[in-house]
PDB file of N, CA and C in Angstrom:
ATOM      1  N   UNK A   1     112.061 116.951  60.401  1.00  0.00           N
ATOM      2  CA  UNK A   1     111.179 115.817  60.645  1.00  0.00           C
ATOM      3  C   UNK A   1     110.195 116.229  61.746  1.00  0.00           C
ATOM      4  N   UNK A   2     108.904 116.007  61.527  1.00  0.00           N
ATOM      5  CA  UNK A   2     107.881 116.367  62.506  1.00  0.00           C
ATOM      6  C   UNK A   2     107.972 115.465  63.738  1.00  0.00           C
ATOM      7  N   UNK A   3     107.397 115.937  64.842  1.00  0.00           N
ATOM      8  CA  UNK A   3     107.404 115.138  66.076  1.00  0.00           C
ATOM      9  C   UNK A   3     106.695 113.802  65.887  1.00  0.00           C
ATOM     10  N   UNK A   4     105.537 113.820  65.234  1.00  0.00           N
ATOM     11  CA  UNK A   4     104.786 112.578  65.004  1.00  0.00           C
ATOM     12  C   UNK A   4     105.609 111.612  64.161  1.00  0.00           C
ATOM     13  N   UNK A   5     106.231 112.129  63.118  1.00  0.00           N
ATOM     14  CA  UNK A   5     107.043 111.282  62.249  1.00  0.00           C
ATOM     15  C   UNK A   5     108.211 110.684  63.022  1.00  0.00           C
ATOM     16  N   UNK A   6     108.873 111.484  63.831  1.00  0.00           N
ATOM     17  CA  UNK A   6     110.005 110.982  64.626  1.00  0.00           C
ATOM     18  C   UNK A   6     109.551 109.891  65.591  1.00  0.00           C
ATOM     19  N   UNK A   7     108.435 110.092  66.275  1.00  0.00           N
ATOM     20  CA  UNK A   7     107.896 109.064  67.178  1.00  0.00           C
ATOM     21  C   UNK A   7     107.620 107.766  66.433  1.00  0.00           C
ATOM     22  N   UNK A   8     107.005 107.885  65.281  1.00  0.00           N
ATOM     23  CA  UNK A   8     106.643 106.708  64.482  1.00  0.00           C
ATOM     24  C   UNK A   8     107.895 105.961  64.033  1.00  0.00           C
ATOM     25  N   UNK A   9     108.837 106.675  63.461  1.00  0.00           N
ATOM     26  CA  UNK A   9     110.058 106.025  62.958  1.00  0.00           C
ATOM     27  C   UNK A   9     110.847 105.403  64.108  1.00  0.00           C
ATOM     28  N   UNK A  10     110.989 106.130  65.216  1.00  0.00           N
ATOM     29  CA  UNK A  10     111.719 105.589  66.371  1.00  0.00           C
ATOM     30  C   UNK A  10     111.067 104.308  66.888  1.00  0.00           C
ATOM     31  N   UNK A  11     109.744 104.310  66.979  1.00  0.00           N
ATOM     32  CA  UNK A  11     109.021 103.129  67.464  1.00  0.00           C
ATOM     33  C   UNK A  11     109.200 101.949  66.517  1.00  0.00           C
ATOM     34  N   UNK A  12     109.102 102.199  65.237  1.00  0.00           N
ATOM     35  CA  UNK A  12     109.289 101.130  64.244  1.00  0.00           C
ATOM     36  C   UNK A  12     110.706 100.563  64.327  1.00  0.00           C
ATOM     37  N   UNK A  13     111.690 101.442  64.434  1.00  0.00           N
ATOM     38  CA  UNK A  13     113.078 100.979  64.546  1.00  0.00           C
ATOM     39  C   UNK A  13     113.282 100.121  65.790  1.00  0.00           C
ATOM     40  N   UNK A  14     112.714 100.553  66.912  1.00  0.00           N
ATOM     41  CA  UNK A  14     112.865  99.832  68.172  1.00  0.00           C
ATOM     42  C   UNK A  14     112.182  98.477  68.161  1.00  0.00           C
ATOM     43  N   UNK A  15     111.207  98.297  67.267  1.00  0.00           N
ATOM     44  CA  UNK A  15     110.439  97.053  67.243  1.00  0.00           C
ATOM     45  C   UNK A  15     110.654  96.276  65.947  1.00  0.00           C
ATOM     46  N   UNK A  16     111.878  96.340  65.452  1.00  0.00           N
ATOM     47  CA  UNK A  16     112.378  95.459  64.394  1.00  0.00           C
ATOM     48  C   UNK A  16     111.754  95.665  63.023  1.00  0.00           C
ATOM     49  N   UNK A  17     111.331  96.889  62.721  1.00  0.00           N
ATOM     50  CA  UNK A  17     110.911  97.184  61.358  1.00  0.00           C
ATOM     51  C   UNK A  17     112.112  97.132  60.439  1.00  0.00           C
ATOM     52  N   UNK A  18     111.916  96.658  59.229  1.00  0.00           N
ATOM     53  CA  UNK A  18     113.009  96.490  58.266  1.00  0.00           C
ATOM     54  C   UNK A  18     112.787  97.385  57.047  1.00  0.00           C
ATOM     55  N   UNK A  19     113.886  97.803  56.447  1.00  0.00           N
ATOM     56  CA  UNK A  19     113.861  98.577  55.197  1.00  0.00           C
ATOM     57  C   UNK A  19     112.910  99.769  55.295  1.00  0.00           C
ATOM     58  N   UNK A  20     113.075 100.560  56.332  1.00  0.00           N
ATOM     59  CA  UNK A  20     112.196 101.714  56.566  1.00  0.00           C
ATOM     60  C   UNK A  20     112.532 102.813  55.563  1.00  0.00           C
ATOM     61  N   UNK A  21     111.489 103.307  54.904  1.00  0.00           N
ATOM     62  CA  UNK A  21     111.630 104.456  53.998  1.00  0.00           C
ATOM     63  C   UNK A  21     110.585 105.483  54.367  1.00  0.00           C
ATOM     64  N   UNK A  22     110.989 106.737  54.341  1.00  0.00           N
ATOM     65  CA  UNK A  22     110.070 107.842  54.584  1.00  0.00           C
ATOM     66  C   UNK A  22     110.076 108.718  53.344  1.00  0.00           C
ATOM     67  N   UNK A  23     108.917 108.850  52.718  1.00  0.00           N
ATOM     68  CA  UNK A  23     108.782 109.667  51.520  1.00  0.00           C
ATOM     69  C   UNK A  23     108.064 110.963  51.863  1.00  0.00           C
ATOM     70  N   UNK A  24     108.559 112.055  51.322  1.00  0.00           N
ATOM     71  CA  UNK A  24     108.040 113.391  51.597  1.00  0.00           C
ATOM     72  C   UNK A  24     106.957 113.736  50.569  1.00  0.00           C
ATOM     73  N   UNK A  25     105.717 113.803  51.033  1.00  0.00           N
ATOM     74  CA  UNK A  25     104.574 114.091  50.163  1.00  0.00           C
ATOM     75  C   UNK A  25     104.099 115.535  50.266  1.00  0.00           C
ATOM     76  N   UNK A  26     104.814 116.384  50.980  1.00  0.00           N
ATOM     77  CA  UNK A  26     104.325 117.741  51.227  1.00  0.00           C
ATOM     78  C   UNK A  26     104.060 118.520  49.948  1.00  0.00           C
ATOM     79  N   UNK A  27     104.801 118.271  48.895  1.00  0.00           N
ATOM     80  CA  UNK A  27     104.576 118.983  47.637  1.00  0.00           C
ATOM     81  C   UNK A  27     103.505 118.309  46.775  1.00  0.00           C
ATOM     82  N   UNK A  28     103.017 117.143  47.197  1.00  0.00           N
ATOM     83  CA  UNK A  28     102.091 116.362  46.384  1.00  0.00           C
ATOM     84  C   UNK A  28     100.677 116.264  46.951  1.00  0.00           C
ATOM     85  N   UNK A  29     100.533 116.445  48.260  1.00  0.00           N
ATOM     86  CA  UNK A  29      99.246 116.172  48.883  1.00  0.00           C
ATOM     87  C   UNK A  29      98.910 117.215  49.952  1.00  0.00           C
ATOM     88  N   UNK A  30      97.659 117.624  49.962  1.00  0.00           N
ATOM     89  CA  UNK A  30      97.176 118.514  51.021  1.00  0.00           C
ATOM     90  C   UNK A  30      96.649 117.711  52.205  1.00  0.00           C
ATOM     91  N   UNK A  31      96.512 116.406  52.031  1.00  0.00           N
ATOM     92  CA  UNK A  31      95.928 115.549  53.064  1.00  0.00           C
ATOM     93  C   UNK A  31      96.942 114.981  54.043  1.00  0.00           C
ATOM     94  N   UNK A  32      98.158 114.762  53.601  1.00  0.00           N
ATOM     95  CA  UNK A  32      99.187 114.174  54.458  1.00  0.00           C
ATOM     96  C   UNK A  32     100.558 114.660  53.994  1.00  0.00           C
ATOM     97  N   UNK A  33     101.548 114.527  54.876  1.00  0.00           N
ATOM     98  CA  UNK A  33     102.893 115.019  54.586  1.00  0.00           C
ATOM     99  C   UNK A  33     103.891 113.914  54.262  1.00  0.00           C
ATOM    100  N   UNK A  34     103.743 112.752  54.915  1.00  0.00           N
ATOM    101  CA  UNK A  34     104.742 111.699  54.779  1.00  0.00           C
ATOM    102  C   UNK A  34     104.108 110.325  54.639  1.00  0.00           C
ATOM    103  N   UNK A  35     104.773 109.476  53.875  1.00  0.00           N
ATOM    104  CA  UNK A  35     104.510 108.038  53.845  1.00  0.00           C
ATOM    105  C   UNK A  35     105.682 107.371  54.552  1.00  0.00           C
ATOM    106  N   UNK A  36     105.386 106.482  55.471  1.00  0.00           N
ATOM    107  CA  UNK A  36     106.401 105.619  56.053  1.00  0.00           C
ATOM    108  C   UNK A  36     106.107 104.224  55.523  1.00  0.00           C
ATOM    109  N   UNK A  37     107.096 103.614  54.886  1.00  0.00           N
ATOM    110  CA  UNK A  37     106.944 102.274  54.330  1.00  0.00           C
ATOM    111  C   UNK A  37     107.929 101.370  55.053  1.00  0.00           C
ATOM    112  N   UNK A  38     107.422 100.267  55.589  1.00  0.00           N
ATOM    113  CA  UNK A  38     108.268  99.381  56.386  1.00  0.00           C
ATOM    114  C   UNK A  38     107.860  97.930  56.151  1.00  0.00           C
ATOM    115  N   UNK A  39     108.806  97.034  56.327  1.00  0.00           N
ATOM    116  CA  UNK A  39     108.549  95.605  56.219  1.00  0.00           C
ATOM    117  C   UNK A  39     108.686  94.961  57.587  1.00  0.00           C
ATOM    118  N   UNK A  40     107.753  94.080  57.899  1.00  0.00           N
ATOM    119  CA  UNK A  40     107.834  93.237  59.093  1.00  0.00           C
ATOM    120  C   UNK A  40     108.029  91.808  58.617  1.00  0.00           C
ATOM    121  N   UNK A  41     108.855  91.061  59.302  1.00  0.00           N
ATOM    122  CA  UNK A  41     109.189  89.714  58.832  1.00  0.00           C
ATOM    123  C   UNK A  41     108.028  88.727  58.936  1.00  0.00           C
ATOM    124  N   UNK A  42     107.057  88.997  59.828  1.00  0.00           N
ATOM    125  CA  UNK A  42     105.902  88.106  59.958  1.00  0.00           C
ATOM    126  C   UNK A  42     104.712  88.885  60.530  1.00  0.00           C
ATOM    127  N   UNK A  43     103.539  88.282  60.481  1.00  0.00           N
ATOM    128  CA  UNK A  43     102.324  88.991  60.893  1.00  0.00           C
ATOM    129  C   UNK A  43     102.303  89.280  62.390  1.00  0.00           C
ATOM    130  N   UNK A  44     102.850  88.389  63.190  1.00  0.00           N
ATOM    131  CA  UNK A  44     102.884  88.634  64.634  1.00  0.00           C
ATOM    132  C   UNK A  44     103.688  89.899  64.941  1.00  0.00           C
ATOM    133  N   UNK A  45     104.829  90.049  64.297  1.00  0.00           N
ATOM    134  CA  UNK A  45     105.660  91.227  64.487  1.00  0.00           C
ATOM    135  C   UNK A  45     104.950  92.481  63.975  1.00  0.00           C
ATOM    136  N   UNK A  46     104.285  92.369  62.836  1.00  0.00           N
ATOM    137  CA  UNK A  46     103.571  93.513  62.266  1.00  0.00           C
ATOM    138  C   UNK A  46     102.487  94.012  63.207  1.00  0.00           C
ATOM    139  N   UNK A  47     101.688  93.101  63.751  1.00  0.00           N
ATOM    140  CA  UNK A  47     100.607  93.518  64.643  1.00  0.00           C
ATOM    141  C   UNK A  47     101.138  94.002  65.988  1.00  0.00           C
ATOM    142  N   UNK A  48     102.269  93.456  66.442  1.00  0.00           N
ATOM    143  CA  UNK A  48     102.903  93.977  67.660  1.00  0.00           C
ATOM    144  C   UNK A  48     103.373  95.410  67.407  1.00  0.00           C
ATOM    145  N   UNK A  49     103.922  95.654  66.216  1.00  0.00           N
ATOM    146  CA  UNK A  49     104.365  96.989  65.850  1.00  0.00           C
ATOM    147  C   UNK A  49     103.181  97.961  65.866  1.00  0.00           C
ATOM    148  N   UNK A  50     102.044  97.528  65.347  1.00  0.00           N
ATOM    149  CA  UNK A  50     100.843  98.356  65.367  1.00  0.00           C
ATOM    150  C   UNK A  50     100.443  98.671  66.813  1.00  0.00           C
ATOM    151  N   UNK A  51     100.444  97.666  67.672  1.00  0.00           N
ATOM    152  CA  UNK A  51     100.099  97.879  69.081  1.00  0.00           C
ATOM    153  C   UNK A  51     101.034  98.894  69.733  1.00  0.00           C
ATOM    154  N   UNK A  52     102.337  98.745  69.498  1.00  0.00           N
ATOM    155  CA  UNK A  52     103.309  99.686  70.068  1.00  0.00           C
ATOM    156  C   UNK A  52     103.099 101.089  69.519  1.00  0.00           C
ATOM    157  N   UNK A  53     102.842 101.200  68.221  1.00  0.00           N
ATOM    158  CA  UNK A  53     102.592 102.510  67.632  1.00  0.00           C
ATOM    159  C   UNK A  53     101.358 103.163  68.230  1.00  0.00           C
ATOM    160  N   UNK A  54     100.280 102.411  68.363  1.00  0.00           N
ATOM    161  CA  UNK A  54      99.063 102.964  68.952  1.00  0.00           C
ATOM    162  C   UNK A  54      99.321 103.461  70.372  1.00  0.00           C
ATOM    163  N   UNK A  55     100.073 102.695  71.148  1.00  0.00           N
ATOM    164  CA  UNK A  55     100.375 103.066  72.530  1.00  0.00           C
ATOM    165  C   UNK A  55     101.227 104.343  72.594  1.00  0.00           C
ATOM    166  N   UNK A  56     102.296 104.386  71.809  1.00  0.00           N
ATOM    167  CA  UNK A  56     103.193 105.544  71.822  1.00  0.00           C
ATOM    168  C   UNK A  56     102.474 106.795  71.320  1.00  0.00           C
ATOM    169  N   UNK A  57     101.705 106.667  70.269  1.00  0.00           N
ATOM    170  CA  UNK A  57     100.967 107.818  69.747  1.00  0.00           C
ATOM    171  C   UNK A  57      99.983 108.345  70.787  1.00  0.00           C
ATOM    172  N   UNK A  58      99.287 107.459  71.448  1.00  0.00           N
ATOM    173  CA  UNK A  58      98.346 107.856  72.491  1.00  0.00           C
ATOM    174  C   UNK A  58      99.055 108.572  73.643  1.00  0.00           C
ATOM    175  N   UNK A  59     100.187 108.026  74.070  1.00  0.00           N
ATOM    176  CA  UNK A  59     100.957 108.625  75.171  1.00  0.00           C
ATOM    177  C   UNK A  59     101.423 110.046  74.842  1.00  0.00           C
ATOM    178  N   UNK A  60     101.657 110.306  73.561  1.00  0.00           N
ATOM    179  CA  UNK A  60     102.149 111.624  73.144  1.00  0.00           C
ATOM    180  C   UNK A  60     101.058 112.483  72.504  1.00  0.00           C
ATOM    181  N   UNK A  61      99.812 112.076  72.675  1.00  0.00           N
ATOM    182  CA  UNK A  61      98.651 112.820  72.162  1.00  0.00           C
ATOM    183  C   UNK A  61      98.724 113.075  70.655  1.00  0.00           C
ATOM    184  N   UNK A  62      99.253 112.103  69.934  1.00  0.00           N
ATOM    185  CA  UNK A  62      99.269 112.164  68.472  1.00  0.00           C
ATOM    186  C   UNK A  62      98.057 111.380  67.990  1.00  0.00           C
ATOM    187  N   UNK A  63      97.134 112.038  67.289  1.00  0.00           N
ATOM    188  CA  UNK A  63      95.909 111.352  66.887  1.00  0.00           C
ATOM    189  C   UNK A  63      96.132 110.285  65.812  1.00  0.00           C
ATOM    190  N   UNK A  64      95.404 109.212  65.955  1.00  0.00           N
ATOM    191  CA  UNK A  64      95.392 108.130  64.976  1.00  0.00           C
ATOM    192  C   UNK A  64      93.991 108.079  64.392  1.00  0.00           C
ATOM    193  N   UNK A  65      93.873 108.389  63.115  1.00  0.00           N
ATOM    194  CA  UNK A  65      92.563 108.428  62.464  1.00  0.00           C
ATOM    195  C   UNK A  65      92.007 107.029  62.282  1.00  0.00           C
ATOM    196  N   UNK A  66      92.839 106.113  61.767  1.00  0.00           N
ATOM    197  CA  UNK A  66      92.351 104.758  61.533  1.00  0.00           C
ATOM    198  C   UNK A  66      93.504 103.792  61.357  1.00  0.00           C
ATOM    199  N   UNK A  67      93.161 102.522  61.509  1.00  0.00           N
ATOM    200  CA  UNK A  67      94.085 101.420  61.254  1.00  0.00           C
ATOM    201  C   UNK A  67      93.334 100.445  60.364  1.00  0.00           C
ATOM    202  N   UNK A  68      93.871 100.212  59.180  1.00  0.00           N
ATOM    203  CA  UNK A  68      93.222  99.346  58.203  1.00  0.00           C
ATOM    204  C   UNK A  68      93.991  98.040  58.067  1.00  0.00           C
ATOM    205  N   UNK A  69      93.275  96.943  58.144  1.00  0.00           N
ATOM    206  CA  UNK A  69      93.885  95.629  57.989  1.00  0.00           C
ATOM    207  C   UNK A  69      93.182  94.629  58.888  1.00  0.00           C
ATOM    208  N   UNK A  70      93.124  93.408  58.444  1.00  0.00           N
ATOM    209  CA  UNK A  70      92.519  92.318  59.199  1.00  0.00           C
ATOM    210  C   UNK A  70      93.616  91.411  59.737  1.00  0.00           C
ATOM    211  N   UNK A  71      93.244  90.465  60.565  1.00  0.00           N
ATOM    212  CA  UNK A  71      94.221  89.552  61.164  1.00  0.00           C
ATOM    213  C   UNK A  71      95.044  88.822  60.102  1.00  0.00           C
ATOM    214  N   UNK A  72      94.443  88.543  58.944  1.00  0.00           N
ATOM    215  CA  UNK A  72      95.164  87.821  57.894  1.00  0.00           C
ATOM    216  C   UNK A  72      95.725  88.743  56.799  1.00  0.00           C
ATOM    217  N   UNK A  73      95.641  90.060  57.022  1.00  0.00           N
ATOM    218  CA  UNK A  73      96.164  91.013  56.041  1.00  0.00           C
ATOM    219  C   UNK A  73      97.674  90.942  55.948  1.00  0.00           C
ATOM    220  N   UNK A  74      98.188  91.199  54.774  1.00  0.00           N
ATOM    221  CA  UNK A  74      99.636  91.244  54.554  1.00  0.00           C
ATOM    222  C   UNK A  74     100.111  92.691  54.394  1.00  0.00           C
ATOM    223  N   UNK A  75      99.159  93.633  54.503  1.00  0.00           N
ATOM    224  CA  UNK A  75      99.456  95.058  54.403  1.00  0.00           C
ATOM    225  C   UNK A  75      98.568  95.758  55.417  1.00  0.00           C
ATOM    226  N   UNK A  76      99.176  96.483  56.323  1.00  0.00           N
ATOM    227  CA  UNK A  76      98.450  97.221  57.359  1.00  0.00           C
ATOM    228  C   UNK A  76      98.734  98.698  57.137  1.00  0.00           C
ATOM    229  N   UNK A  77      97.700  99.514  57.199  1.00  0.00           N
ATOM    230  CA  UNK A  77      97.848 100.939  56.989  1.00  0.00           C
ATOM    231  C   UNK A  77      97.365 101.680  58.228  1.00  0.00           C
ATOM    232  N   UNK A  78      98.202 102.577  58.738  1.00  0.00           N
ATOM    233  CA  UNK A  78      97.816 103.448  59.842  1.00  0.00           C
ATOM    234  C   UNK A  78      97.759 104.874  59.313  1.00  0.00           C
ATOM    235  N   UNK A  79      96.637 105.526  59.534  1.00  0.00           N
ATOM    236  CA  UNK A  79      96.454 106.909  59.103  1.00  0.00           C
ATOM    237  C   UNK A  79      96.595 107.797  60.333  1.00  0.00           C
ATOM    238  N   UNK A  80      97.704 108.498  60.414  1.00  0.00           N
ATOM    239  CA  UNK A  80      97.981 109.403  61.529  1.00  0.00           C
ATOM    240  C   UNK A  80      97.882 110.848  61.045  1.00  0.00           C
ATOM    241  N   UNK A  81      96.914 111.114  60.189  1.00  0.00           N
ATOM    242  CA  UNK A  81      96.673 112.422  59.596  1.00  0.00           C
ATOM    243  C   UNK A  81      97.842 112.870  58.728  1.00  0.00           C
ATOM    244  N   UNK A  82      98.882 113.469  59.297  1.00  0.00           N
ATOM    245  CA  UNK A  82     100.004 113.959  58.503  1.00  0.00           C
ATOM    246  C   UNK A  82     100.941 112.854  58.042  1.00  0.00           C
ATOM    247  N   UNK A  83     100.888 111.713  58.726  1.00  0.00           N
ATOM    248  CA  UNK A  83     101.788 110.597  58.419  1.00  0.00           C
ATOM    249  C   UNK A  83     100.951 109.346  58.142  1.00  0.00           C
ATOM    250  N   UNK A  84     101.203 108.721  57.011  1.00  0.00           N
ATOM    251  CA  UNK A  84     100.555 107.463  56.658  1.00  0.00           C
ATOM    252  C   UNK A  84     101.612 106.366  56.769  1.00  0.00           C
ATOM    253  N   UNK A  85     101.315 105.333  57.546  1.00  0.00           N
ATOM    254  CA  UNK A  85     102.274 104.247  57.768  1.00  0.00           C
ATOM    255  C   UNK A  85     101.783 102.999  57.040  1.00  0.00           C
ATOM    256  N   UNK A  86     102.638 102.448  56.198  1.00  0.00           N
ATOM    257  CA  UNK A  86     102.348 101.211  55.477  1.00  0.00           C
ATOM    258  C   UNK A  86     103.261 100.128  56.033  1.00  0.00           C
ATOM    259  N   UNK A  87     102.687  99.120  56.655  1.00  0.00           N
ATOM    260  CA  UNK A  87     103.462  98.000  57.174  1.00  0.00           C
ATOM    261  C   UNK A  87     103.160  96.792  56.293  1.00  0.00           C
ATOM    262  N   UNK A  88     104.174  96.322  55.597  1.00  0.00           N
ATOM    263  CA  UNK A  88     104.030  95.156  54.740  1.00  0.00           C
ATOM    264  C   UNK A  88     104.644  93.945  55.432  1.00  0.00           C
ATOM    265  N   UNK A  89     104.020  92.811  55.251  1.00  0.00           N
ATOM    266  CA  UNK A  89     104.506  91.580  55.857  1.00  0.00           C
ATOM    267  C   UNK A  89     105.221  90.754  54.791  1.00  0.00           C
ATOM    268  N   UNK A  90     106.462  90.411  55.107  1.00  0.00           N
ATOM    269  CA  UNK A  90     107.251  89.570  54.206  1.00  0.00           C
ATOM    270  C   UNK A  90     107.428  90.188  52.836  1.00  0.00           C
ATOM    271  N   UNK A  91     107.172  89.405  51.816  1.00  0.00           N
ATOM    272  CA  UNK A  91     107.393  89.814  50.431  1.00  0.00           C
ATOM    273  C   UNK A  91     106.260  90.660  49.854  1.00  0.00           C
ATOM    274  N   UNK A  92     105.246  90.954  50.633  1.00  0.00           N
ATOM    275  CA  UNK A  92     104.087  91.699  50.124  1.00  0.00           C
ATOM    276  C   UNK A  92     104.474  93.081  49.608  1.00  0.00           C
ATOM    277  N   UNK A  93     105.470  93.670  50.182  1.00  0.00           N
ATOM    278  CA  UNK A  93     105.923  94.997  49.752  1.00  0.00           C
ATOM    279  C   UNK A  93     106.306  95.000  48.269  1.00  0.00           C
ATOM    280  N   UNK A  94     106.932  93.935  47.820  1.00  0.00           N
ATOM    281  CA  UNK A  94     107.342  93.836  46.414  1.00  0.00           C
ATOM    282  C   UNK A  94     106.132  93.714  45.488  1.00  0.00           C
ATOM    283  N   UNK A  95     105.041  93.170  45.981  1.00  0.00           N
ATOM    284  CA  UNK A  95     103.833  93.012  45.161  1.00  0.00           C
ATOM    285  C   UNK A  95     103.230  94.374  44.827  1.00  0.00           C
ATOM    286  N   UNK A  96     103.116  95.267  45.819  1.00  0.00           N
ATOM    287  CA  UNK A  96     102.455  96.558  45.617  1.00  0.00           C
ATOM    288  C   UNK A  96     103.398  97.646  45.123  1.00  0.00           C
ATOM    289  N   UNK A  97     104.680  97.491  45.340  1.00  0.00           N
ATOM    290  CA  UNK A  97     105.712  98.367  44.792  1.00  0.00           C
ATOM    291  C   UNK A  97     105.493  99.859  45.048  1.00  0.00           C
ATOM    292  N   UNK A  98     105.082 100.211  46.268  1.00  0.00           N
ATOM    293  CA  UNK A  98     104.920 101.629  46.594  1.00  0.00           C
ATOM    294  C   UNK A  98     106.245 102.371  46.491  1.00  0.00           C
ATOM    295  N   UNK A  99     107.334 101.688  46.801  1.00  0.00           N
ATOM    296  CA  UNK A  99     108.658 102.310  46.703  1.00  0.00           C
ATOM    297  C   UNK A  99     108.931 102.784  45.279  1.00  0.00           C
ATOM    298  N   UNK A 100     108.543 101.979  44.305  1.00  0.00           N
ATOM    299  CA  UNK A 100     108.764 102.342  42.912  1.00  0.00           C
ATOM    300  C   UNK A 100     107.714 103.351  42.428  1.00  0.00           C
ATOM    301  N   UNK A 101     106.485 103.169  42.852  1.00  0.00           N
ATOM    302  CA  UNK A 101     105.400 104.054  42.430  1.00  0.00           C
ATOM    303  C   UNK A 101     105.678 105.498  42.817  1.00  0.00           C
ATOM    304  N   UNK A 102     106.162 105.708  44.029  1.00  0.00           N
ATOM    305  CA  UNK A 102     106.433 107.047  44.537  1.00  0.00           C
ATOM    306  C   UNK A 102     107.929 107.319  44.646  1.00  0.00           C
ATOM    307  N   UNK A 103     108.743 106.552  43.961  1.00  0.00           N
ATOM    308  CA  UNK A 103     110.197 106.643  44.074  1.00  0.00           C
ATOM    309  C   UNK A 103     110.807 107.958  43.656  1.00  0.00           C
ATOM    310  N   UNK A 104     110.074 108.794  42.904  1.00  0.00           N
ATOM    311  CA  UNK A 104     110.626 110.077  42.472  1.00  0.00           C
ATOM    312  C   UNK A 104     110.448 111.176  43.505  1.00  0.00           C
ATOM    313  N   UNK A 105     109.725 110.879  44.611  1.00  0.00           N
ATOM    314  CA  UNK A 105     109.555 111.864  45.677  1.00  0.00           C
ATOM    315  C   UNK A 105     110.794 111.924  46.559  1.00  0.00           C
ATOM    316  N   UNK A 106     111.026 113.066  47.185  1.00  0.00           N
ATOM    317  CA  UNK A 106     112.180 113.150  48.090  1.00  0.00           C
ATOM    318  C   UNK A 106     112.038 112.174  49.256  1.00  0.00           C
ATOM    319  N   UNK A 107     113.153 111.598  49.636  1.00  0.00           N
ATOM    320  CA  UNK A 107     113.169 110.685  50.769  1.00  0.00           C
ATOM    321  C   UNK A 107     113.721 111.423  51.983  1.00  0.00           C
ATOM    322  N   UNK A 108     113.053 111.239  53.119  1.00  0.00           N
ATOM    323  CA  UNK A 108     113.521 111.846  54.364  1.00  0.00           C
ATOM    324  C   UNK A 108     114.560 110.908  54.962  1.00  0.00           C
ATOM    325  N   UNK A 109     115.716 111.450  55.253  1.00  0.00           N
ATOM    326  CA  UNK A 109     116.794 110.649  55.837  1.00  0.00           C
ATOM    327  C   UNK A 109     116.490 110.367  57.302  1.00  0.00           C
ATOM    328  N   UNK A 110     116.618 109.113  57.668  1.00  0.00           N
ATOM    329  CA  UNK A 110     116.384 108.689  59.041  1.00  0.00           C
ATOM    330  C   UNK A 110     117.714 108.724  59.769  1.00  0.00           C
ATOM    331  N   UNK A 111     117.741 109.436  60.877  1.00  0.00           N
ATOM    332  CA  UNK A 111     118.994 109.581  61.643  1.00  0.00           C
ATOM    333  C   UNK A 111     119.129 108.503  62.675  1.00  0.00           C
TER     334      UNK A 111
END
């Protein structure tokens, strides 16, 4: 597990992310290595998670390319170059079904 990925997963775990999955894209993409898919129970928690991630990444000099999503978004995407983080709010994760779409990729075990 890369340092950036470990920081991201640890931060999400510490801030109440649910059903965290890490998919290994290294054999599929030259642009990024991992997808992190997580559910937040509400939008306040999701945006707090984004704030914590931005802070931790900055403290460890891990670049953040962009953060996509509006205040009323139910899906927030953080592009950390090698790691793409998808934060879904509530049941929105089931709507887009990224878990099923990319379900045949290897999953990175979270320790």
